Amino acid sequence: MHRDAQRQVYEMLAPKLYRTCKRYLKKEEEIEEVLADAFYTIFTKMDQLKELGAFEAWARKITVNHCLYQLKRNVNFNLYLEDTKLSHHPESAAATQLEEEDLLNLVQQLPEGCQAIFNLFVIEGYGHKEIAEMLNISEGTSKSQLNVAKTKLKELVNRLYYQQAR
């Protein structure tokens, strides 16, 4: 692929794929590393793309897979999460309406395992069976982590937005 074309593809996709990485990973260094790895894969495997119209979705799937690979190296998805504590960020409670950026900030406060499964299920649209296969966990663990993520998000939203709006 020609360098100018690669640069144009990078400039078009980088912000979107960066946000995808940010939904899964917390550390900026990991996000940047995974994004670089994803673009390397995108540029070296472009000949495997069957339909040009699906390019962006294909690139996002590659990016998600790289994020999951990074998470699997560092996260134990089978941890019991009942006692997980979340940090309180009062600066995000200034508005009473939840914006996309607010929700992203709340999701980033979840434990990494919950965060990954929430993103895969709610945002990417995978089922529990697919998630279990991707992460080498049981379907029950996937369901449990999603339930914990939803519960923690509700607690955060109620605490940070609705209690202060009254």
N, C-alpha and C. Protein backbone atom coordinates (compact mmCIF):
# COMPACT_ATOMS: atom_id res chain seq x y z
N MET A 1 0.85 -1.17 0.00
CA MET A 1 0.00 0.00 0.00
C MET A 1 0.90 1.24 0.00
N HIS A 2 0.56 2.22 -0.77
CA HIS A 2 1.32 3.46 -0.89
C HIS A 2 1.29 4.24 0.42
N ARG A 3 2.42 4.87 0.76
CA ARG A 3 2.54 5.60 2.03
C ARG A 3 1.49 6.69 2.20
N ASP A 4 1.21 7.46 1.14
CA ASP A 4 0.19 8.52 1.24
C ASP A 4 -1.18 7.93 1.54
N ALA A 5 -1.49 6.82 0.92
CA ALA A 5 -2.77 6.16 1.17
C ALA A 5 -2.83 5.65 2.61
N GLN A 6 -1.72 5.10 3.10
CA GLN A 6 -1.68 4.64 4.49
C GLN A 6 -1.90 5.81 5.45
N ARG A 7 -1.26 6.92 5.17
CA ARG A 7 -1.41 8.09 6.02
C ARG A 7 -2.87 8.55 6.04
N GLN A 8 -3.51 8.57 4.87
CA GLN A 8 -4.92 8.99 4.80
C GLN A 8 -5.82 8.03 5.58
N VAL A 9 -5.58 6.74 5.45
CA VAL A 9 -6.36 5.75 6.18
C VAL A 9 -6.13 5.94 7.68
N TYR A 10 -4.88 6.14 8.07
CA TYR A 10 -4.57 6.35 9.48
C TYR A 10 -5.28 7.59 10.01
N GLU A 11 -5.20 8.69 9.30
CA GLU A 11 -5.82 9.93 9.76
C GLU A 11 -7.34 9.80 9.86
N MET A 12 -7.93 9.02 8.96
CA MET A 12 -9.38 8.83 8.97
C MET A 12 -9.81 7.92 10.14
N LEU A 13 -9.06 6.85 10.38
CA LEU A 13 -9.48 5.85 11.36
C LEU A 13 -8.90 6.03 12.75
N ALA A 14 -7.77 6.66 12.88
CA ALA A 14 -7.08 6.72 14.17
C ALA A 14 -7.97 7.25 15.30
N PRO A 15 -8.69 8.35 15.12
CA PRO A 15 -9.53 8.83 16.24
C PRO A 15 -10.59 7.81 16.67
N LYS A 16 -11.22 7.15 15.70
CA LYS A 16 -12.26 6.17 16.03
C LYS A 16 -11.66 4.95 16.71
N LEU A 17 -10.55 4.46 16.18
CA LEU A 17 -9.93 3.27 16.76
C LEU A 17 -9.29 3.58 18.11
N TYR A 18 -8.84 4.80 18.29
CA TYR A 18 -8.32 5.22 19.59
C TYR A 18 -9.44 5.14 20.64
N ARG A 19 -10.63 5.64 20.29
CA ARG A 19 -11.76 5.58 21.22
C ARG A 19 -12.14 4.12 21.52
N THR A 20 -12.03 3.26 20.50
CA THR A 20 -12.29 1.84 20.72
C THR A 20 -11.31 1.29 21.74
N CYS A 21 -10.03 1.58 21.58
CA CYS A 21 -9.01 1.12 22.53
C CYS A 21 -9.28 1.66 23.92
N LYS A 22 -9.67 2.91 23.98
CA LYS A 22 -9.90 3.58 25.28
C LYS A 22 -11.07 2.93 26.02
N ARG A 23 -12.00 2.32 25.30
CA ARG A 23 -13.12 1.63 25.96
C ARG A 23 -12.64 0.37 26.67
N TYR A 24 -11.53 -0.21 26.21
CA TYR A 24 -11.05 -1.47 26.78
C TYR A 24 -9.85 -1.30 27.71
N LEU A 25 -9.01 -0.33 27.43
CA LEU A 25 -7.75 -0.20 28.15
C LEU A 25 -7.70 1.10 28.93
N LYS A 26 -7.00 1.09 30.05
CA LYS A 26 -6.96 2.28 30.90
C LYS A 26 -5.67 3.07 30.76
N LYS A 27 -4.56 2.39 30.53
CA LYS A 27 -3.26 3.05 30.49
C LYS A 27 -2.98 3.59 29.09
N GLU A 28 -2.58 4.85 29.03
CA GLU A 28 -2.32 5.51 27.75
C GLU A 28 -1.24 4.77 26.95
N GLU A 29 -0.21 4.26 27.64
CA GLU A 29 0.86 3.54 26.93
C GLU A 29 0.32 2.28 26.25
N GLU A 30 -0.58 1.58 26.95
CA GLU A 30 -1.18 0.38 26.37
C GLU A 30 -2.06 0.73 25.18
N ILE A 31 -2.82 1.81 25.31
CA ILE A 31 -3.70 2.24 24.23
C ILE A 31 -2.88 2.53 22.98
N GLU A 32 -1.81 3.29 23.15
CA GLU A 32 -0.97 3.66 22.00
C GLU A 32 -0.29 2.44 21.40
N GLU A 33 0.18 1.53 22.24
CA GLU A 33 0.84 0.31 21.75
C GLU A 33 -0.14 -0.56 20.97
N VAL A 34 -1.32 -0.75 21.54
CA VAL A 34 -2.33 -1.59 20.88
C VAL A 34 -2.78 -0.94 19.57
N LEU A 35 -2.95 0.37 19.57
CA LEU A 35 -3.35 1.06 18.35
C LEU A 35 -2.30 0.89 17.26
N ALA A 36 -1.03 1.02 17.61
CA ALA A 36 0.05 0.83 16.64
C ALA A 36 0.04 -0.61 16.10
N ASP A 37 -0.13 -1.58 17.01
CA ASP A 37 -0.19 -2.98 16.58
C ASP A 37 -1.38 -3.23 15.66
N ALA A 38 -2.51 -2.62 16.00
CA ALA A 38 -3.72 -2.80 15.18
C ALA A 38 -3.50 -2.23 13.78
N PHE A 39 -2.92 -1.05 13.69
CA PHE A 39 -2.67 -0.47 12.36
C PHE A 39 -1.66 -1.30 11.58
N TYR A 40 -0.68 -1.86 12.25
CA TYR A 40 0.26 -2.74 11.56
C TYR A 40 -0.49 -3.92 10.95
N THR A 41 -1.37 -4.53 11.74
CA THR A 41 -2.16 -5.66 11.24
C THR A 41 -3.07 -5.23 10.09
N ILE A 42 -3.71 -4.09 10.25
CA ILE A 42 -4.61 -3.58 9.21
C ILE A 42 -3.85 -3.41 7.90
N PHE A 43 -2.69 -2.78 7.96
CA PHE A 43 -1.93 -2.51 6.74
C PHE A 43 -1.30 -3.77 6.13
N THR A 44 -0.93 -4.74 6.97
CA THR A 44 -0.29 -5.94 6.43
C THR A 44 -1.29 -7.03 6.02
N LYS A 45 -2.52 -6.92 6.48
CA LYS A 45 -3.52 -7.95 6.17
C LYS A 45 -4.64 -7.42 5.27
N MET A 46 -4.43 -6.24 4.72
CA MET A 46 -5.48 -5.62 3.92
C MET A 46 -5.90 -6.49 2.74
N ASP A 47 -5.00 -7.31 2.24
CA ASP A 47 -5.33 -8.19 1.12
C ASP A 47 -6.35 -9.26 1.51
N GLN A 48 -6.57 -9.47 2.82
CA GLN A 48 -7.55 -10.45 3.28
C GLN A 48 -8.97 -9.89 3.33
N LEU A 49 -9.11 -8.59 3.20
CA LEU A 49 -10.42 -7.95 3.24
C LEU A 49 -11.18 -8.30 1.96
N LYS A 50 -12.35 -8.86 2.13
CA LYS A 50 -13.14 -9.32 0.98
C LYS A 50 -13.98 -8.19 0.37
N GLU A 51 -14.52 -7.33 1.22
CA GLU A 51 -15.43 -6.29 0.73
C GLU A 51 -14.96 -4.93 1.25
N LEU A 52 -14.64 -4.04 0.34
CA LEU A 52 -14.10 -2.73 0.71
C LEU A 52 -15.09 -1.93 1.56
N GLY A 53 -16.38 -2.12 1.35
CA GLY A 53 -17.40 -1.40 2.11
C GLY A 53 -17.40 -1.76 3.59
N ALA A 54 -16.79 -2.87 3.93
CA ALA A 54 -16.74 -3.32 5.33
C ALA A 54 -15.40 -2.97 5.99
N PHE A 55 -14.62 -2.11 5.36
CA PHE A 55 -13.26 -1.82 5.84
C PHE A 55 -13.24 -1.30 7.27
N GLU A 56 -14.08 -0.32 7.57
CA GLU A 56 -14.05 0.28 8.90
C GLU A 56 -14.44 -0.73 9.98
N ALA A 57 -15.46 -1.52 9.72
CA ALA A 57 -15.88 -2.54 10.69
C ALA A 57 -14.78 -3.60 10.86
N TRP A 58 -14.13 -3.97 9.76
CA TRP A 58 -13.03 -4.93 9.79
C TRP A 58 -11.88 -4.37 10.63
N ALA A 59 -11.54 -3.11 10.42
CA ALA A 59 -10.46 -2.47 11.17
C ALA A 59 -10.80 -2.40 12.65
N ARG A 60 -12.05 -2.12 12.96
CA ARG A 60 -12.47 -2.05 14.37
C ARG A 60 -12.39 -3.42 15.02
N LYS A 61 -12.77 -4.45 14.30
CA LYS A 61 -12.70 -5.81 14.85
C LYS A 61 -11.24 -6.19 15.13
N ILE A 62 -10.34 -5.84 14.24
CA ILE A 62 -8.92 -6.09 14.47
C ILE A 62 -8.46 -5.36 15.73
N THR A 63 -8.88 -4.12 15.87
CA THR A 63 -8.50 -3.32 17.04
C THR A 63 -9.03 -3.94 18.32
N VAL A 64 -10.29 -4.35 18.32
CA VAL A 64 -10.88 -4.99 19.50
C VAL A 64 -10.10 -6.26 19.84
N ASN A 65 -9.76 -7.05 18.83
CA ASN A 65 -9.01 -8.28 19.08
C ASN A 65 -7.64 -7.98 19.71
N HIS A 66 -6.98 -6.93 19.26
CA HIS A 66 -5.70 -6.55 19.86
C HIS A 66 -5.91 -6.09 21.31
N CYS A 67 -6.98 -5.36 21.57
CA CYS A 67 -7.29 -4.95 22.95
C CYS A 67 -7.52 -6.16 23.83
N LEU A 68 -8.27 -7.13 23.32
CA LEU A 68 -8.57 -8.33 24.10
C LEU A 68 -7.30 -9.13 24.37
N TYR A 69 -6.42 -9.20 23.39
CA TYR A 69 -5.15 -9.90 23.58
C TYR A 69 -4.37 -9.24 24.73
N GLN A 70 -4.33 -7.92 24.72
CA GLN A 70 -3.63 -7.18 25.78
C GLN A 70 -4.28 -7.46 27.14
N LEU A 71 -5.60 -7.43 27.18
CA LEU A 71 -6.31 -7.68 28.44
C LEU A 71 -6.08 -9.10 28.95
N LYS A 72 -6.12 -10.07 28.06
CA LYS A 72 -5.94 -11.45 28.48
C LYS A 72 -4.57 -11.67 29.11
N ARG A 73 -3.59 -10.89 28.71
CA ARG A 73 -2.26 -11.01 29.30
C ARG A 73 -2.22 -10.44 30.72
N ASN A 74 -3.12 -9.51 31.03
CA ASN A 74 -3.01 -8.78 32.30
C ASN A 74 -4.19 -8.92 33.26
N VAL A 75 -5.31 -9.49 32.82
CA VAL A 75 -6.52 -9.47 33.63
C VAL A 75 -7.00 -10.90 33.91
N ASN A 76 -7.38 -11.15 35.14
CA ASN A 76 -8.02 -12.41 35.50
C ASN A 76 -9.52 -12.17 35.49
N PHE A 77 -10.19 -12.65 34.45
CA PHE A 77 -11.62 -12.43 34.29
C PHE A 77 -12.45 -13.24 35.27
N ASN A 78 -11.84 -14.19 35.94
CA ASN A 78 -12.57 -15.07 36.85
C ASN A 78 -12.55 -14.59 38.30
N LEU A 79 -12.00 -13.42 38.55
CA LEU A 79 -11.99 -12.89 39.91
C LEU A 79 -13.40 -12.62 40.39
N TYR A 80 -13.62 -12.86 41.65
CA TYR A 80 -14.91 -12.54 42.27
C TYR A 80 -14.96 -11.03 42.48
N LEU A 81 -16.00 -10.38 42.01
CA LEU A 81 -16.01 -8.93 41.96
C LEU A 81 -16.92 -8.25 42.96
N GLU A 82 -17.46 -8.97 43.88
CA GLU A 82 -18.43 -8.41 44.81
C GLU A 82 -17.90 -7.19 45.56
N ASP A 83 -16.63 -7.23 45.94
CA ASP A 83 -16.08 -6.18 46.78
C ASP A 83 -15.30 -5.12 46.00
N THR A 84 -15.42 -5.10 44.70
CA THR A 84 -14.68 -4.14 43.90
C THR A 84 -15.14 -2.73 44.22
N LYS A 85 -14.19 -1.87 44.50
CA LYS A 85 -14.49 -0.48 44.82
C LYS A 85 -14.21 0.39 43.60
N LEU A 86 -15.03 1.40 43.43
CA LEU A 86 -14.87 2.33 42.31
C LEU A 86 -14.48 3.69 42.87
N SER A 87 -13.67 4.40 42.09
CA SER A 87 -13.26 5.73 42.54
C SER A 87 -14.37 6.73 42.27
N HIS A 88 -14.37 7.80 43.02
CA HIS A 88 -15.37 8.85 42.87
C HIS A 88 -14.71 10.02 42.15
N HIS A 89 -15.29 10.43 41.04
CA HIS A 89 -14.76 11.54 40.26
C HIS A 89 -15.80 12.65 40.19
N PRO A 90 -15.83 13.56 41.17
CA PRO A 90 -16.87 14.57 41.21
C PRO A 90 -16.84 15.52 40.03
N GLU A 91 -15.68 15.70 39.37
CA GLU A 91 -15.64 16.62 38.24
C GLU A 91 -16.52 16.17 37.08
N SER A 92 -16.82 14.87 36.99
CA SER A 92 -17.67 14.40 35.90
C SER A 92 -19.16 14.56 36.24
N ALA A 93 -19.48 15.03 37.43
CA ALA A 93 -20.86 15.15 37.84
C ALA A 93 -21.42 16.55 37.63
N ALA A 94 -20.70 17.40 36.92
CA ALA A 94 -21.14 18.78 36.72
C ALA A 94 -22.45 18.86 35.95
N ALA A 95 -22.64 18.01 34.97
CA ALA A 95 -23.87 18.04 34.17
C ALA A 95 -24.84 17.00 34.70
N THR A 96 -26.12 17.21 34.46
CA THR A 96 -27.10 16.23 34.92
C THR A 96 -27.53 15.30 33.80
N GLN A 97 -27.16 15.60 32.58
CA GLN A 97 -27.46 14.71 31.46
C GLN A 97 -26.22 13.93 31.09
N LEU A 98 -26.40 12.65 30.85
CA LEU A 98 -25.28 11.80 30.50
C LEU A 98 -24.96 11.97 29.02
N GLU A 99 -23.75 12.36 28.73
CA GLU A 99 -23.26 12.48 27.37
C GLU A 99 -22.40 11.25 27.08
N GLU A 100 -22.08 11.02 25.81
CA GLU A 100 -21.26 9.88 25.43
C GLU A 100 -19.93 9.89 26.18
N GLU A 101 -19.30 11.03 26.28
CA GLU A 101 -18.00 11.14 26.97
C GLU A 101 -18.14 10.81 28.45
N ASP A 102 -19.26 11.22 29.06
CA ASP A 102 -19.51 10.90 30.46
C ASP A 102 -19.62 9.39 30.65
N LEU A 103 -20.36 8.75 29.77
CA LEU A 103 -20.53 7.31 29.87
C LEU A 103 -19.19 6.60 29.68
N LEU A 104 -18.38 7.05 28.74
CA LEU A 104 -17.06 6.47 28.54
C LEU A 104 -16.23 6.59 29.82
N ASN A 105 -16.28 7.76 30.46
CA ASN A 105 -15.54 7.95 31.71
C ASN A 105 -16.04 7.01 32.81
N LEU A 106 -17.35 6.80 32.87
CA LEU A 106 -17.90 5.88 33.88
C LEU A 106 -17.48 4.44 33.60
N VAL A 107 -17.54 4.05 32.34
CA VAL A 107 -17.16 2.68 31.98
C VAL A 107 -15.69 2.45 32.30
N GLN A 108 -14.87 3.47 32.15
CA GLN A 108 -13.44 3.33 32.44
C GLN A 108 -13.17 3.15 33.92
N GLN A 109 -14.12 3.45 34.77
CA GLN A 109 -13.96 3.25 36.21
C GLN A 109 -14.25 1.82 36.63
N LEU A 110 -14.82 1.03 35.73
CA LEU A 110 -15.11 -0.36 36.05
C LEU A 110 -13.81 -1.16 36.11
N PRO A 111 -13.82 -2.26 36.87
CA PRO A 111 -12.67 -3.16 36.82
C PRO A 111 -12.46 -3.64 35.38
N GLU A 112 -11.22 -3.91 35.00
CA GLU A 112 -10.90 -4.20 33.60
C GLU A 112 -11.71 -5.35 33.02
N GLY A 113 -11.91 -6.42 33.79
CA GLY A 113 -12.68 -7.55 33.28
C GLY A 113 -14.12 -7.16 32.97
N CYS A 114 -14.74 -6.45 33.90
CA CYS A 114 -16.12 -5.98 33.70
C CYS A 114 -16.19 -5.03 32.51
N GLN A 115 -15.22 -4.15 32.44
CA GLN A 115 -15.18 -3.16 31.36
C GLN A 115 -15.11 -3.85 30.00
N ALA A 116 -14.24 -4.83 29.87
CA ALA A 116 -14.08 -5.53 28.59
C ALA A 116 -15.37 -6.25 28.20
N ILE A 117 -15.96 -6.96 29.14
CA ILE A 117 -17.17 -7.73 28.83
C ILE A 117 -18.34 -6.79 28.56
N PHE A 118 -18.46 -5.70 29.30
CA PHE A 118 -19.50 -4.71 29.02
C PHE A 118 -19.35 -4.19 27.58
N ASN A 119 -18.14 -3.82 27.20
CA ASN A 119 -17.90 -3.31 25.85
C ASN A 119 -18.22 -4.35 24.78
N LEU A 120 -17.78 -5.59 25.00
CA LEU A 120 -18.03 -6.63 24.00
C LEU A 120 -19.52 -6.91 23.85
N PHE A 121 -20.24 -6.96 24.96
CA PHE A 121 -21.65 -7.30 24.92
C PHE A 121 -22.51 -6.11 24.47
N VAL A 122 -22.35 -4.98 25.14
CA VAL A 122 -23.24 -3.83 24.91
C VAL A 122 -22.85 -3.04 23.67
N ILE A 123 -21.58 -2.78 23.48
CA ILE A 123 -21.15 -1.90 22.39
C ILE A 123 -20.88 -2.68 21.11
N GLU A 124 -20.14 -3.79 21.24
CA GLU A 124 -19.76 -4.54 20.03
C GLU A 124 -20.86 -5.52 19.60
N GLY A 125 -21.75 -5.90 20.52
CA GLY A 125 -22.87 -6.76 20.16
C GLY A 125 -22.58 -8.26 20.17
N TYR A 126 -21.52 -8.68 20.82
CA TYR A 126 -21.23 -10.12 20.91
C TYR A 126 -22.13 -10.76 21.95
N GLY A 127 -22.40 -12.04 21.78
CA GLY A 127 -23.16 -12.81 22.75
C GLY A 127 -22.23 -13.40 23.79
N HIS A 128 -22.80 -13.92 24.87
CA HIS A 128 -21.98 -14.46 25.96
C HIS A 128 -21.16 -15.66 25.50
N LYS A 129 -21.71 -16.47 24.61
CA LYS A 129 -20.96 -17.63 24.12
C LYS A 129 -19.71 -17.17 23.36
N GLU A 130 -19.88 -16.17 22.49
CA GLU A 130 -18.74 -15.64 21.73
C GLU A 130 -17.70 -15.01 22.66
N ILE A 131 -18.18 -14.26 23.64
CA ILE A 131 -17.27 -13.60 24.59
C ILE A 131 -16.49 -14.65 25.36
N ALA A 132 -17.19 -15.69 25.81
CA ALA A 132 -16.53 -16.76 26.55
C ALA A 132 -15.42 -17.40 25.72
N GLU A 133 -15.70 -17.65 24.45
CA GLU A 133 -14.69 -18.25 23.57
C GLU A 133 -13.52 -17.29 23.34
N MET A 134 -13.81 -16.01 23.15
CA MET A 134 -12.76 -15.02 22.89
C MET A 134 -11.81 -14.87 24.07
N LEU A 135 -12.36 -14.96 25.29
CA LEU A 135 -11.58 -14.70 26.50
C LEU A 135 -11.19 -15.96 27.27
N ASN A 136 -11.58 -17.12 26.74
CA ASN A 136 -11.29 -18.40 27.40
C ASN A 136 -11.85 -18.44 28.82
N ILE A 137 -13.12 -18.04 28.94
CA ILE A 137 -13.82 -18.09 30.21
C ILE A 137 -15.16 -18.81 29.99
N SER A 138 -15.89 -19.06 31.06
CA SER A 138 -17.20 -19.69 30.91
C SER A 138 -18.25 -18.63 30.55
N GLU A 139 -19.36 -19.09 29.98
CA GLU A 139 -20.46 -18.17 29.70
C GLU A 139 -20.99 -17.57 30.99
N GLY A 140 -21.01 -18.36 32.05
CA GLY A 140 -21.47 -17.87 33.35
C GLY A 140 -20.59 -16.73 33.87
N THR A 141 -19.29 -16.84 33.66
CA THR A 141 -18.39 -15.76 34.07
C THR A 141 -18.67 -14.50 33.26
N SER A 142 -18.92 -14.67 31.97
CA SER A 142 -19.25 -13.52 31.12
C SER A 142 -20.53 -12.85 31.62
N LYS A 143 -21.54 -13.65 31.90
CA LYS A 143 -22.81 -13.10 32.38
C LYS A 143 -22.64 -12.42 33.73
N SER A 144 -21.87 -13.04 34.61
CA SER A 144 -21.65 -12.48 35.94
C SER A 144 -20.90 -11.15 35.85
N GLN A 145 -19.87 -11.10 35.03
CA GLN A 145 -19.10 -9.86 34.87
C GLN A 145 -19.97 -8.75 34.28
N LEU A 146 -20.83 -9.09 33.31
CA LEU A 146 -21.72 -8.10 32.72
C LEU A 146 -22.70 -7.58 33.78
N ASN A 147 -23.23 -8.49 34.59
CA ASN A 147 -24.15 -8.08 35.64
C ASN A 147 -23.47 -7.15 36.63
N VAL A 148 -22.24 -7.46 37.02
CA VAL A 148 -21.50 -6.59 37.93
C VAL A 148 -21.27 -5.23 37.28
N ALA A 149 -20.89 -5.23 36.00
CA ALA A 149 -20.65 -3.97 35.28
C ALA A 149 -21.90 -3.10 35.27
N LYS A 150 -23.04 -3.69 34.96
CA LYS A 150 -24.30 -2.93 34.92
C LYS A 150 -24.65 -2.38 36.30
N THR A 151 -24.48 -3.21 37.31
CA THR A 151 -24.79 -2.78 38.68
C THR A 151 -23.89 -1.62 39.09
N LYS A 152 -22.59 -1.75 38.83
CA LYS A 152 -21.64 -0.69 39.20
C LYS A 152 -21.93 0.59 38.42
N LEU A 153 -22.28 0.47 37.14
CA LEU A 153 -22.59 1.66 36.34
C LEU A 153 -23.84 2.35 36.88
N LYS A 154 -24.86 1.59 37.25
CA LYS A 154 -26.06 2.19 37.83
C LYS A 154 -25.72 2.93 39.12
N GLU A 155 -24.90 2.31 39.96
CA GLU A 155 -24.49 2.96 41.20
C GLU A 155 -23.77 4.27 40.92
N LEU A 156 -22.86 4.24 39.96
CA LEU A 156 -22.11 5.46 39.61
C LEU A 156 -23.02 6.55 39.07
N VAL A 157 -23.90 6.18 38.16
CA VAL A 157 -24.81 7.16 37.57
C VAL A 157 -25.69 7.77 38.66
N ASN A 158 -26.25 6.93 39.50
CA ASN A 158 -27.11 7.44 40.57
C ASN A 158 -26.33 8.35 41.53
N ARG A 159 -25.15 7.93 41.90
CA ARG A 159 -24.36 8.69 42.86
C ARG A 159 -23.84 10.00 42.26
N LEU A 160 -23.35 9.95 41.03
CA LEU A 160 -22.69 11.12 40.45
C LEU A 160 -23.64 12.08 39.74
N TYR A 161 -24.78 11.60 39.29
CA TYR A 161 -25.65 12.45 38.48
C TYR A 161 -26.98 12.77 39.14
N TYR A 162 -27.67 11.75 39.56
CA TYR A 162 -29.05 11.98 40.00
C TYR A 162 -29.15 12.46 41.43
N GLN A 163 -28.27 12.04 42.31
CA GLN A 163 -28.34 12.52 43.69
C GLN A 163 -27.93 13.99 43.79
N GLN A 164 -27.00 14.42 42.91
CA GLN A 164 -26.56 15.80 42.95
C GLN A 164 -27.51 16.72 42.18
N ALA A 165 -28.35 16.16 41.34
CA ALA A 165 -29.26 16.98 40.53
C ALA A 165 -30.46 17.45 41.37
N ARG A 166 -30.68 16.81 42.51
CA ARG A 166 -31.84 17.15 43.35
C ARG A 166 -31.62 18.37 44.18
